[in-house]
Amino acid sequence: MDEKTISALDGIFDAHDAKGRAASDAEAARISREEAFAVEFQRIAADTILPAMEKVAEYVRGRGHQAAVTLTEERPVHANDPDSKVTITFQVRGDAQQYHERPFFSASGSKGTGDVIFSHSTMRPQRGGQSGPVGAVKLHEVTALLVEQKVLETIRLVFN
C-alpha cells in the first residue's frame, strides 16, 4: 500500500481508538461517581434519614395509629427505579388493612442525578389523595430536620 494511504488509515483508526478510550474513561468515571453516591446515600440513610423517620413513626404510634419505617437496599429493576430508599408508611386508625392504599413518604437516592428524591402518597381507602414526587435535594443538604419537615407535610395531608 502507498505510504500516504497507510498514513491516512492510521490517522482514521487512531482517532477512532481515541474516541473509544475517551468513552470508556467517561463510563468508568460515571460508574465511580454512582458507586460513591450509593455508598454515601446508604450512610446518610442509616445515620440521618432512618432515625428521623423512626422518631416520627414512634410519635405516630404513640397517638394510636400504625407507622412502619423500612430501608430498601439497592435493587433497581428499571432505569427509572430508585436505587435505594427509606420509607415511612402509615395506617390511620380505623382504615381498612389494604396495604396498597396506605399513605407513605419516602426518600430515595438517585445515582443518575446525585439527588435525594422525596415522594409521597396520601391515598387512603375510600378517600383518595395524591401520589408522586414532592421535591429533591442534593445529598449534602439532607438533615434530620429536613426529613422531619417533609414527613410532616405528608402527615398533614393524610390526617386532615
C-alpha atoms as a PDB file:
ATOM      1  CA  MET A   1       0.000   0.000   0.000  1.00  0.00           C
ATOM      2  CA  ASP A   2       1.006   3.534  -0.612  1.00  0.00           C
ATOM      3  CA  GLU A   3       2.587   5.371   2.342  1.00  0.00           C
ATOM      4  CA  LYS A   4       0.008   8.173   2.100  1.00  0.00           C
ATOM      5  CA  THR A   5      -2.844   5.643   2.225  1.00  0.00           C
ATOM      6  CA  ILE A   6      -1.302   3.907   5.229  1.00  0.00           C
ATOM      7  CA  SER A   7      -0.787   7.243   6.943  1.00  0.00           C
ATOM      8  CA  ALA A   8      -4.408   8.274   6.248  1.00  0.00           C
ATOM      9  CA  LEU A   9      -5.703   4.918   7.532  1.00  0.00           C
ATOM     10  CA  ASP A  10      -3.536   5.204  10.645  1.00  0.00           C
ATOM     11  CA  GLY A  11      -4.995   8.669  11.301  1.00  0.00           C
ATOM     12  CA  ILE A  12      -8.572   7.423  10.901  1.00  0.00           C
ATOM     13  CA  PHE A  13      -8.097   4.415  13.173  1.00  0.00           C
ATOM     14  CA  ASP A  14      -6.027   6.289  15.748  1.00  0.00           C
ATOM     15  CA  ALA A  15      -8.797   8.888  16.037  1.00  0.00           C
ATOM     16  CA  HIS A  16     -11.402   6.118  16.285  1.00  0.00           C
ATOM     17  CA  ASP A  17      -9.439   4.326  19.024  1.00  0.00           C
ATOM     18  CA  ALA A  18      -9.004   7.596  20.950  1.00  0.00           C
ATOM     19  CA  LYS A  19     -12.777   8.197  20.888  1.00  0.00           C
ATOM     20  CA  GLY A  20     -13.339   4.663  22.168  1.00  0.00           C
ATOM     21  CA  ARG A  21     -10.865   5.176  25.014  1.00  0.00           C
ATOM     22  CA  ALA A  22     -12.460   8.520  25.913  1.00  0.00           C
ATOM     23  CA  ALA A  23     -15.912   6.910  26.011  1.00  0.00           C
ATOM     24  CA  SER A  24     -14.599   4.068  28.178  1.00  0.00           C
ATOM     25  CA  ASP A  25     -12.910   6.541  30.524  1.00  0.00           C
ATOM     26  CA  ALA A  26     -16.109   8.600  30.777  1.00  0.00           C
ATOM     27  CA  GLU A  27     -18.154   5.479  31.521  1.00  0.00           C
ATOM     28  CA  ALA A  28     -15.686   4.384  34.205  1.00  0.00           C
ATOM     29  CA  ALA A  29     -15.843   7.852  35.804  1.00  0.00           C
ATOM     30  CA  ARG A  30     -19.674   7.779  35.746  1.00  0.00           C
ATOM     31  CA  ILE A  31     -19.737   4.354  37.386  1.00  0.00           C
ATOM     32  CA  SER A  32     -17.237   5.512  40.002  1.00  0.00           C
ATOM     33  CA  ARG A  33     -19.375   8.615  40.779  1.00  0.00           C
ATOM     34  CA  GLU A  34     -22.531   6.494  41.010  1.00  0.00           C
ATOM     35  CA  GLU A  35     -20.868   3.952  43.305  1.00  0.00           C
ATOM     36  CA  ALA A  36     -19.576   6.735  45.564  1.00  0.00           C
ATOM     37  CA  PHE A  37     -23.071   8.276  45.659  1.00  0.00           C
ATOM     38  CA  ALA A  38     -24.654   4.914  46.525  1.00  0.00           C
ATOM     39  CA  VAL A  39     -22.232   4.402  49.424  1.00  0.00           C
ATOM     40  CA  GLU A  40     -22.775   7.937  50.710  1.00  0.00           C
ATOM     41  CA  PHE A  41     -26.574   7.664  50.371  1.00  0.00           C
ATOM     42  CA  GLN A  42     -26.521   4.431  52.382  1.00  0.00           C
ATOM     43  CA  ARG A  43     -24.548   6.233  55.105  1.00  0.00           C
ATOM     44  CA  ILE A  44     -26.921   9.222  55.156  1.00  0.00           C
ATOM     45  CA  ALA A  45     -29.924   6.881  55.075  1.00  0.00           C
ATOM     46  CA  ALA A  46     -28.655   4.925  58.089  1.00  0.00           C
ATOM     47  CA  ASP A  47     -27.322   7.901  60.075  1.00  0.00           C
ATOM     48  CA  THR A  48     -29.884  10.618  59.305  1.00  0.00           C
ATOM     49  CA  ILE A  49     -32.986   9.644  57.314  1.00  0.00           C
ATOM     50  CA  LEU A  50     -33.873   6.368  59.054  1.00  0.00           C
ATOM     51  CA  PRO A  51     -33.513   7.713  62.621  1.00  0.00           C
ATOM     52  CA  ALA A  52     -35.556  10.836  61.770  1.00  0.00           C
ATOM     53  CA  MET A  53     -38.350   8.738  60.288  1.00  0.00           C
ATOM     54  CA  GLU A  54     -38.204   6.301  63.226  1.00  0.00           C
ATOM     55  CA  LYS A  55     -38.752   9.176  65.671  1.00  0.00           C
ATOM     56  CA  VAL A  56     -41.787  10.364  63.703  1.00  0.00           C
ATOM     57  CA  ALA A  57     -43.127   6.800  63.482  1.00  0.00           C
ATOM     58  CA  GLU A  58     -42.738   6.377  67.245  1.00  0.00           C
ATOM     59  CA  TYR A  59     -44.753   9.544  67.812  1.00  0.00           C
ATOM     60  CA  VAL A  60     -47.479   8.447  65.364  1.00  0.00           C
ATOM     61  CA  ARG A  61     -47.743   5.034  67.073  1.00  0.00           C
ATOM     62  CA  GLY A  62     -47.982   6.818  70.413  1.00  0.00           C
ATOM     63  CA  ARG A  63     -51.052   8.599  69.065  1.00  0.00           C
ATOM     64  CA  GLY A  64     -52.743   5.256  68.304  1.00  0.00           C
ATOM     65  CA  HIS A  65     -52.014   4.896  64.586  1.00  0.00           C
ATOM     66  CA  GLN A  66     -49.703   2.477  62.828  1.00  0.00           C
ATOM     67  CA  ALA A  67     -46.417   3.529  61.293  1.00  0.00           C
ATOM     68  CA  ALA A  68     -43.516   1.483  59.960  1.00  0.00           C
ATOM     69  CA  VAL A  69     -40.142   2.508  58.556  1.00  0.00           C
ATOM     70  CA  THR A  70     -38.265   0.410  56.010  1.00  0.00           C
ATOM     71  CA  LEU A  71     -34.906   0.700  54.277  1.00  0.00           C
ATOM     72  CA  THR A  72     -34.848  -0.816  50.802  1.00  0.00           C
ATOM     73  CA  GLU A  73     -31.368  -1.670  49.565  1.00  0.00           C
ATOM     74  CA  GLU A  74     -30.178  -1.037  46.027  1.00  0.00           C
ATOM     75  CA  ARG A  75     -32.042  -3.356  43.629  1.00  0.00           C
ATOM     76  CA  PRO A  76     -33.351  -1.272  40.730  1.00  0.00           C
ATOM     77  CA  VAL A  77     -35.180  -3.264  38.065  1.00  0.00           C
ATOM     78  CA  HIS A  78     -35.797  -0.472  35.571  1.00  0.00           C
ATOM     79  CA  ALA A  79     -33.647   2.526  34.684  1.00  0.00           C
ATOM     80  CA  ASN A  80     -36.034   4.955  36.423  1.00  0.00           C
ATOM     81  CA  ASP A  81     -36.366   2.922  39.632  1.00  0.00           C
ATOM     82  CA  PRO A  82     -34.857   4.466  42.749  1.00  0.00           C
ATOM     83  CA  ASP A  83     -31.552   2.913  43.745  1.00  0.00           C
ATOM     84  CA  SER A  84     -32.234   2.742  47.496  1.00  0.00           C
ATOM     85  CA  LYS A  85     -34.911   4.318  49.655  1.00  0.00           C
ATOM     86  CA  VAL A  86     -36.194   4.815  53.158  1.00  0.00           C
ATOM     87  CA  THR A  87     -39.971   4.769  53.535  1.00  0.00           C
ATOM     88  CA  ILE A  88     -42.356   5.549  56.370  1.00  0.00           C
ATOM     89  CA  THR A  89     -45.794   4.019  55.884  1.00  0.00           C
ATOM     90  CA  PHE A  90     -48.878   4.986  57.877  1.00  0.00           C
ATOM     91  CA  GLN A  91     -52.155   3.314  58.671  1.00  0.00           C
ATOM     92  CA  VAL A  92     -54.733   5.668  60.070  1.00  0.00           C
ATOM     93  CA  ARG A  93     -56.690   4.168  62.958  1.00  0.00           C
ATOM     94  CA  GLY A  94     -59.960   2.842  61.540  1.00  0.00           C
ATOM     95  CA  ASP A  95     -58.772   2.494  57.932  1.00  0.00           C
ATOM     96  CA  ALA A  96     -59.064  -0.889  56.211  1.00  0.00           C
ATOM     97  CA  GLN A  97     -55.993  -3.134  56.142  1.00  0.00           C
ATOM     98  CA  GLN A  98     -55.256  -2.935  52.390  1.00  0.00           C
ATOM     99  CA  TYR A  99     -51.529  -2.322  52.235  1.00  0.00           C
ATOM    100  CA  HIS A 100     -51.522  -0.871  48.729  1.00  0.00           C
ATOM    101  CA  GLU A 101     -53.676   2.022  49.912  1.00  0.00           C
ATOM    102  CA  ARG A 102     -51.547   3.045  52.887  1.00  0.00           C
ATOM    103  CA  PRO A 103     -50.114   6.532  52.794  1.00  0.00           C
ATOM    104  CA  PHE A 104     -46.326   6.830  52.770  1.00  0.00           C
ATOM    105  CA  PHE A 105     -43.385   9.179  52.471  1.00  0.00           C
ATOM    106  CA  SER A 106     -40.054   8.071  51.002  1.00  0.00           C
ATOM    107  CA  ALA A 107     -36.583   9.443  50.449  1.00  0.00           C
ATOM    108  CA  SER A 108     -34.739   7.693  47.639  1.00  0.00           C
ATOM    109  CA  GLY A 109     -31.251   8.046  46.273  1.00  0.00           C
ATOM    110  CA  SER A 110     -30.841   8.542  42.553  1.00  0.00           C
ATOM    111  CA  LYS A 111     -27.332   7.680  41.402  1.00  0.00           C
ATOM    112  CA  GLY A 112     -28.004   9.104  37.967  1.00  0.00           C
ATOM    113  CA  THR A 113     -28.782  12.612  39.203  1.00  0.00           C
ATOM    114  CA  GLY A 114     -26.986  12.544  42.540  1.00  0.00           C
ATOM    115  CA  ASP A 115     -30.188  13.723  44.227  1.00  0.00           C
ATOM    116  CA  VAL A 116     -32.277  12.529  47.129  1.00  0.00           C
ATOM    117  CA  ILE A 117     -35.808  12.429  45.779  1.00  0.00           C
ATOM    118  CA  PHE A 118     -38.776  12.787  48.111  1.00  0.00           C
ATOM    119  CA  SER A 119     -42.064  11.122  47.169  1.00  0.00           C
ATOM    120  CA  HIS A 120     -45.303  10.505  48.960  1.00  0.00           C
ATOM    121  CA  SER A 121     -48.769   9.083  48.665  1.00  0.00           C
ATOM    122  CA  THR A 122     -51.693  10.351  50.687  1.00  0.00           C
ATOM    123  CA  MET A 123     -54.048   7.732  49.232  1.00  0.00           C
ATOM    124  CA  ARG A 124     -56.338   6.108  51.793  1.00  0.00           C
ATOM    125  CA  PRO A 125     -59.140   3.560  51.388  1.00  0.00           C
ATOM    126  CA  GLN A 126     -62.389   5.157  50.262  1.00  0.00           C
ATOM    127  CA  ARG A 127     -60.784   8.595  50.459  1.00  0.00           C
ATOM    128  CA  GLY A 128     -58.477   9.264  47.537  1.00  0.00           C
ATOM    129  CA  GLY A 129     -55.461  11.525  47.820  1.00  0.00           C
ATOM    130  CA  GLN A 130     -52.374  12.295  45.784  1.00  0.00           C
ATOM    131  CA  SER A 131     -49.217  10.442  44.897  1.00  0.00           C
ATOM    132  CA  GLY A 132     -45.909  11.446  43.358  1.00  0.00           C
ATOM    133  CA  PRO A 133     -42.651  13.333  43.875  1.00  0.00           C
ATOM    134  CA  VAL A 134     -42.623  16.191  46.387  1.00  0.00           C
ATOM    135  CA  GLY A 135     -39.122  17.532  45.972  1.00  0.00           C
ATOM    136  CA  ALA A 136     -35.443  16.722  45.615  1.00  0.00           C
ATOM    137  CA  VAL A 137     -32.230  17.928  47.225  1.00  0.00           C
ATOM    138  CA  LYS A 138     -28.550  17.226  46.871  1.00  0.00           C
ATOM    139  CA  LEU A 139     -27.215  14.572  49.216  1.00  0.00           C
ATOM    140  CA  HIS A 140     -25.226  17.045  51.324  1.00  0.00           C
ATOM    141  CA  GLU A 141     -28.425  19.041  52.000  1.00  0.00           C
ATOM    142  CA  VAL A 142     -30.182  16.185  53.820  1.00  0.00           C
ATOM    143  CA  THR A 143     -30.649  16.801  57.539  1.00  0.00           C
ATOM    144  CA  ALA A 144     -32.865  15.190  60.179  1.00  0.00           C
ATOM    145  CA  LEU A 145     -34.852  18.431  60.401  1.00  0.00           C
ATOM    146  CA  LEU A 146     -35.451  18.479  56.639  1.00  0.00           C
ATOM    147  CA  VAL A 147     -36.670  14.861  56.718  1.00  0.00           C
ATOM    148  CA  GLU A 148     -38.967  15.599  59.670  1.00  0.00           C
ATOM    149  CA  GLN A 149     -40.418  18.646  57.871  1.00  0.00           C
ATOM    150  CA  LYS A 150     -41.030  16.687  54.670  1.00  0.00           C
ATOM    151  CA  VAL A 151     -42.722  13.843  56.579  1.00  0.00           C
ATOM    152  CA  LEU A 152     -44.784  16.423  58.467  1.00  0.00           C
ATOM    153  CA  GLU A 153     -46.100  17.792  55.154  1.00  0.00           C
ATOM    154  CA  THR A 154     -47.307  14.304  54.214  1.00  0.00           C
ATOM    155  CA  ILE A 155     -48.823  13.665  57.655  1.00  0.00           C
ATOM    156  CA  ARG A 156     -50.666  16.998  57.459  1.00  0.00           C
ATOM    157  CA  LEU A 157     -52.331  15.859  54.211  1.00  0.00           C
ATOM    158  CA  VAL A 158     -53.042  12.310  55.419  1.00  0.00           C
ATOM    159  CA  PHE A 159     -54.587  13.204  58.769  1.00  0.00           C
ATOM    160  CA  ASN A 160     -56.644  16.205  57.595  1.00  0.00           C
END
